[in-house]
Amino acid sequence: MKKIALTIAAIASLGVAACGSNNEAGNNASDVNTTATETGVDYNASTNDAAAIDATNTALGNTVDDASNLASDAGNSIENGAAALSNATTNAAQ
C-alpha cells in the first residue's frame, strides 16, 4: 500500500510541476502590451514636445517681427521728421 501511495504522490507532483509555472506565452503577450502602451505614451510625449517647440518658434518669430516693425517705425519717424524740417525750412525761406 505504501508503494502505491508513494507512486500516486510522485505522479501527482510531476503533474503539478508540469502545469504550474510555464506561462511564457502569457508573459510575452504582457510584454508586448506593455511595450505598446509605453510606445503610445512616448509618442504622445513627443507630440507634446513638438507642439511646445512650435509654439516657442512662433513666439520667437513674432518677437523678431515685432522688433523689426519697431525699427521700421523708428526709421519712418526719423524720415518724417527730416521731411517736416525740410518743409519748414523751405516755407520759411519763401
N, C-alpha and C. Protein backbone atom coordinates (compact mmCIF):
# COMPACT_ATOMS: atom_id res chain seq x y z
N MET A 1 0.82 -1.19 0.00
CA MET A 1 0.00 0.00 0.00
C MET A 1 0.86 1.25 0.00
N LYS A 2 2.00 1.19 0.71
CA LYS A 2 2.88 2.34 0.76
C LYS A 2 3.44 2.65 -0.63
N LYS A 3 3.77 1.61 -1.37
CA LYS A 3 4.32 1.81 -2.71
C LYS A 3 3.30 2.49 -3.62
N ILE A 4 2.05 2.08 -3.50
CA ILE A 4 1.01 2.69 -4.33
C ILE A 4 0.83 4.16 -3.95
N ALA A 5 0.80 4.45 -2.69
CA ALA A 5 0.63 5.83 -2.21
C ALA A 5 1.80 6.69 -2.66
N LEU A 6 3.01 6.18 -2.56
CA LEU A 6 4.19 6.94 -2.99
C LEU A 6 4.17 7.17 -4.50
N THR A 7 3.74 6.14 -5.23
CA THR A 7 3.69 6.26 -6.68
C THR A 7 2.65 7.33 -7.07
N ILE A 8 1.49 7.32 -6.45
CA ILE A 8 0.45 8.31 -6.73
C ILE A 8 0.94 9.72 -6.37
N ALA A 9 1.61 9.85 -5.25
CA ALA A 9 2.13 11.15 -4.83
C ALA A 9 3.19 11.66 -5.81
N ALA A 10 4.04 10.76 -6.29
CA ALA A 10 5.08 11.15 -7.24
C ALA A 10 4.45 11.59 -8.56
N ILE A 11 3.48 10.84 -9.03
CA ILE A 11 2.81 11.20 -10.29
C ILE A 11 2.08 12.52 -10.14
N ALA A 12 1.42 12.72 -9.03
CA ALA A 12 0.69 13.97 -8.79
C ALA A 12 1.65 15.16 -8.74
N SER A 13 2.80 14.98 -8.10
CA SER A 13 3.76 16.10 -8.02
C SER A 13 4.35 16.41 -9.39
N LEU A 14 4.56 15.39 -10.22
CA LEU A 14 5.04 15.64 -11.57
C LEU A 14 3.98 16.39 -12.39
N GLY A 15 2.73 16.03 -12.22
CA GLY A 15 1.64 16.71 -12.93
C GLY A 15 1.54 18.17 -12.52
N VAL A 16 1.66 18.45 -11.24
CA VAL A 16 1.60 19.83 -10.75
C VAL A 16 2.81 20.61 -11.26
N ALA A 17 3.97 20.00 -11.25
CA ALA A 17 5.18 20.68 -11.71
C ALA A 17 5.09 20.99 -13.20
N ALA A 18 4.51 20.08 -13.96
CA ALA A 18 4.41 20.28 -15.40
C ALA A 18 3.40 21.37 -15.76
N CYS A 19 2.38 21.54 -14.98
CA CYS A 19 1.33 22.51 -15.30
C CYS A 19 1.53 23.85 -14.61
N GLY A 20 2.41 23.91 -13.67
CA GLY A 20 2.46 25.07 -12.77
C GLY A 20 2.90 26.40 -13.35
N SER A 21 4.14 26.55 -13.77
CA SER A 21 4.67 27.89 -13.96
C SER A 21 5.09 28.22 -15.38
N ASN A 22 4.76 27.40 -16.34
CA ASN A 22 5.17 27.68 -17.70
C ASN A 22 4.13 28.58 -18.36
N ASN A 23 4.32 29.85 -18.23
CA ASN A 23 3.37 30.83 -18.78
C ASN A 23 4.12 31.79 -19.69
N GLU A 24 5.04 31.26 -20.48
CA GLU A 24 5.89 32.11 -21.32
C GLU A 24 5.07 32.88 -22.35
N ALA A 25 4.06 32.24 -22.95
CA ALA A 25 3.24 32.93 -23.94
C ALA A 25 2.48 34.08 -23.30
N GLY A 26 1.95 33.86 -22.11
CA GLY A 26 1.25 34.93 -21.39
C GLY A 26 2.18 36.06 -21.02
N ASN A 27 3.39 35.70 -20.60
CA ASN A 27 4.36 36.73 -20.26
C ASN A 27 4.76 37.53 -21.49
N ASN A 28 4.94 36.85 -22.63
CA ASN A 28 5.29 37.55 -23.86
C ASN A 28 4.17 38.49 -24.29
N ALA A 29 2.92 38.04 -24.19
CA ALA A 29 1.79 38.90 -24.55
C ALA A 29 1.74 40.11 -23.63
N SER A 30 2.01 39.90 -22.36
CA SER A 30 2.03 41.02 -21.41
C SER A 30 3.14 41.99 -21.76
N ASP A 31 4.32 41.46 -22.12
CA ASP A 31 5.43 42.33 -22.52
C ASP A 31 5.08 43.14 -23.76
N VAL A 32 4.42 42.51 -24.73
CA VAL A 32 4.04 43.22 -25.96
C VAL A 32 3.04 44.32 -25.63
N ASN A 33 2.06 44.02 -24.78
CA ASN A 33 1.07 45.03 -24.41
C ASN A 33 1.73 46.19 -23.67
N THR A 34 2.63 45.88 -22.76
CA THR A 34 3.33 46.93 -22.02
C THR A 34 4.17 47.77 -22.97
N THR A 35 4.86 47.15 -23.90
CA THR A 35 5.68 47.88 -24.87
C THR A 35 4.80 48.78 -25.73
N ALA A 36 3.66 48.28 -26.18
CA ALA A 36 2.75 49.09 -26.99
C ALA A 36 2.23 50.28 -26.20
N THR A 37 1.89 50.06 -24.94
CA THR A 37 1.41 51.16 -24.10
C THR A 37 2.50 52.20 -23.90
N GLU A 38 3.71 51.75 -23.61
CA GLU A 38 4.82 52.68 -23.40
C GLU A 38 5.15 53.43 -24.69
N THR A 39 5.03 52.76 -25.83
CA THR A 39 5.26 53.43 -27.11
C THR A 39 4.23 54.53 -27.32
N GLY A 40 2.98 54.24 -26.99
CA GLY A 40 1.94 55.27 -27.10
C GLY A 40 2.22 56.45 -26.19
N VAL A 41 2.65 56.18 -24.99
CA VAL A 41 2.98 57.26 -24.04
C VAL A 41 4.15 58.08 -24.57
N ASP A 42 5.19 57.40 -25.08
CA ASP A 42 6.35 58.10 -25.63
C ASP A 42 5.95 58.94 -26.84
N TYR A 43 5.10 58.40 -27.69
CA TYR A 43 4.65 59.13 -28.89
C TYR A 43 3.89 60.39 -28.48
N ASN A 44 2.98 60.24 -27.51
CA ASN A 44 2.21 61.40 -27.06
C ASN A 44 3.12 62.46 -26.43
N ALA A 45 4.09 62.04 -25.68
CA ALA A 45 5.03 63.00 -25.07
C ALA A 45 5.83 63.70 -26.16
N SER A 46 6.25 62.97 -27.18
CA SER A 46 6.99 63.59 -28.29
C SER A 46 6.12 64.58 -29.03
N THR A 47 4.86 64.24 -29.23
CA THR A 47 3.93 65.15 -29.90
C THR A 47 3.76 66.42 -29.10
N ASN A 48 3.63 66.28 -27.78
CA ASN A 48 3.50 67.46 -26.92
C ASN A 48 4.76 68.30 -26.96
N ASP A 49 5.93 67.65 -26.97
CA ASP A 49 7.19 68.39 -27.06
C ASP A 49 7.28 69.14 -28.38
N ALA A 50 6.87 68.50 -29.46
CA ALA A 50 6.92 69.14 -30.78
C ALA A 50 5.99 70.35 -30.81
N ALA A 51 4.82 70.22 -30.21
CA ALA A 51 3.88 71.35 -30.16
C ALA A 51 4.46 72.50 -29.35
N ALA A 52 5.14 72.18 -28.26
CA ALA A 52 5.77 73.23 -27.44
C ALA A 52 6.89 73.91 -28.20
N ILE A 53 7.65 73.13 -28.96
CA ILE A 53 8.73 73.70 -29.77
C ILE A 53 8.15 74.62 -30.84
N ASP A 54 7.07 74.17 -31.48
CA ASP A 54 6.42 75.01 -32.49
C ASP A 54 5.91 76.31 -31.88
N ALA A 55 5.31 76.22 -30.71
CA ALA A 55 4.81 77.43 -30.04
C ALA A 55 5.96 78.37 -29.69
N THR A 56 7.08 77.82 -29.25
CA THR A 56 8.25 78.64 -28.93
C THR A 56 8.79 79.29 -30.19
N ASN A 57 8.90 78.53 -31.26
CA ASN A 57 9.38 79.10 -32.53
C ASN A 57 8.47 80.20 -33.03
N THR A 58 7.17 80.02 -32.91
CA THR A 58 6.22 81.04 -33.32
C THR A 58 6.39 82.30 -32.48
N ALA A 59 6.52 82.12 -31.16
CA ALA A 59 6.70 83.28 -30.28
C ALA A 59 7.99 84.02 -30.60
N LEU A 60 9.06 83.26 -30.85
CA LEU A 60 10.33 83.90 -31.21
C LEU A 60 10.22 84.63 -32.54
N GLY A 61 9.55 84.01 -33.50
CA GLY A 61 9.35 84.65 -34.80
C GLY A 61 8.54 85.92 -34.67
N ASN A 62 7.50 85.88 -33.84
CA ASN A 62 6.69 87.08 -33.62
C ASN A 62 7.51 88.17 -32.95
N THR A 63 8.37 87.80 -32.02
CA THR A 63 9.21 88.78 -31.33
C THR A 63 10.16 89.46 -32.32
N VAL A 64 10.75 88.66 -33.20
CA VAL A 64 11.66 89.22 -34.21
C VAL A 64 10.87 90.14 -35.15
N ASP A 65 9.67 89.73 -35.55
CA ASP A 65 8.84 90.58 -36.42
C ASP A 65 8.48 91.88 -35.71
N ASP A 66 8.13 91.79 -34.43
CA ASP A 66 7.78 92.99 -33.67
C ASP A 66 8.97 93.94 -33.57
N ALA A 67 10.16 93.39 -33.32
CA ALA A 67 11.36 94.24 -33.24
C ALA A 67 11.65 94.88 -34.59
N SER A 68 11.46 94.14 -35.65
CA SER A 68 11.66 94.68 -36.99
C SER A 68 10.68 95.81 -37.28
N ASN A 69 9.43 95.61 -36.86
CA ASN A 69 8.42 96.64 -37.06
C ASN A 69 8.76 97.90 -36.27
N LEU A 70 9.24 97.74 -35.04
CA LEU A 70 9.64 98.90 -34.23
C LEU A 70 10.78 99.66 -34.89
N ALA A 71 11.76 98.94 -35.41
CA ALA A 71 12.88 99.59 -36.08
C ALA A 71 12.40 100.33 -37.33
N SER A 72 11.49 99.72 -38.07
CA SER A 72 10.94 100.36 -39.25
C SER A 72 10.15 101.61 -38.87
N ASP A 73 9.37 101.50 -37.78
CA ASP A 73 8.61 102.67 -37.31
C ASP A 73 9.55 103.80 -36.91
N ALA A 74 10.62 103.47 -36.23
CA ALA A 74 11.59 104.50 -35.83
C ALA A 74 12.22 105.15 -37.05
N GLY A 75 12.57 104.34 -38.04
CA GLY A 75 13.12 104.89 -39.28
C GLY A 75 12.13 105.79 -39.99
N ASN A 76 10.87 105.39 -40.02
CA ASN A 76 9.83 106.22 -40.65
C ASN A 76 9.66 107.53 -39.89
N SER A 77 9.72 107.48 -38.57
CA SER A 77 9.59 108.71 -37.77
C SER A 77 10.73 109.66 -38.06
N ILE A 78 11.94 109.13 -38.15
CA ILE A 78 13.10 109.97 -38.45
C ILE A 78 12.95 110.58 -39.85
N GLU A 79 12.54 109.75 -40.80
CA GLU A 79 12.34 110.23 -42.17
C GLU A 79 11.26 111.31 -42.23
N ASN A 80 10.16 111.08 -41.52
CA ASN A 80 9.07 112.07 -41.50
C ASN A 80 9.52 113.36 -40.81
N GLY A 81 10.30 113.22 -39.75
CA GLY A 81 10.82 114.42 -39.07
C GLY A 81 11.75 115.23 -39.97
N ALA A 82 12.59 114.53 -40.71
CA ALA A 82 13.51 115.22 -41.64
C ALA A 82 12.73 115.91 -42.74
N ALA A 83 11.67 115.26 -43.26
CA ALA A 83 10.85 115.88 -44.30
C ALA A 83 10.12 117.10 -43.76
N ALA A 84 9.63 117.01 -42.53
CA ALA A 84 8.95 118.15 -41.92
C ALA A 84 9.91 119.31 -41.72
N LEU A 85 11.13 119.02 -41.28
CA LEU A 85 12.14 120.07 -41.10
C LEU A 85 12.50 120.70 -42.44
N SER A 86 12.61 119.89 -43.47
CA SER A 86 12.91 120.40 -44.80
C SER A 86 11.78 121.29 -45.30
N ASN A 87 10.54 120.86 -45.08
CA ASN A 87 9.39 121.67 -45.49
C ASN A 87 9.34 122.98 -44.73
N ALA A 88 9.61 122.94 -43.44
CA ALA A 88 9.59 124.16 -42.64
C ALA A 88 10.67 125.12 -43.10
N THR A 89 11.84 124.57 -43.41
CA THR A 89 12.94 125.41 -43.88
C THR A 89 12.58 126.04 -45.23
N THR A 90 12.01 125.25 -46.11
CA THR A 90 11.62 125.75 -47.43
C THR A 90 10.55 126.83 -47.30
N ASN A 91 9.56 126.58 -46.44
CA ASN A 91 8.48 127.55 -46.25
C ASN A 91 8.99 128.83 -45.61
N ALA A 92 9.94 128.74 -44.72
CA ALA A 92 10.47 129.93 -44.07
C ALA A 92 11.30 130.77 -45.05
N ALA A 93 11.93 130.13 -46.00
CA ALA A 93 12.76 130.84 -46.96
C ALA A 93 11.91 131.59 -47.99
N GLN A 94 10.67 131.22 -48.17
CA GLN A 94 9.84 131.86 -49.20
C GLN A 94 9.31 133.12 -48.70
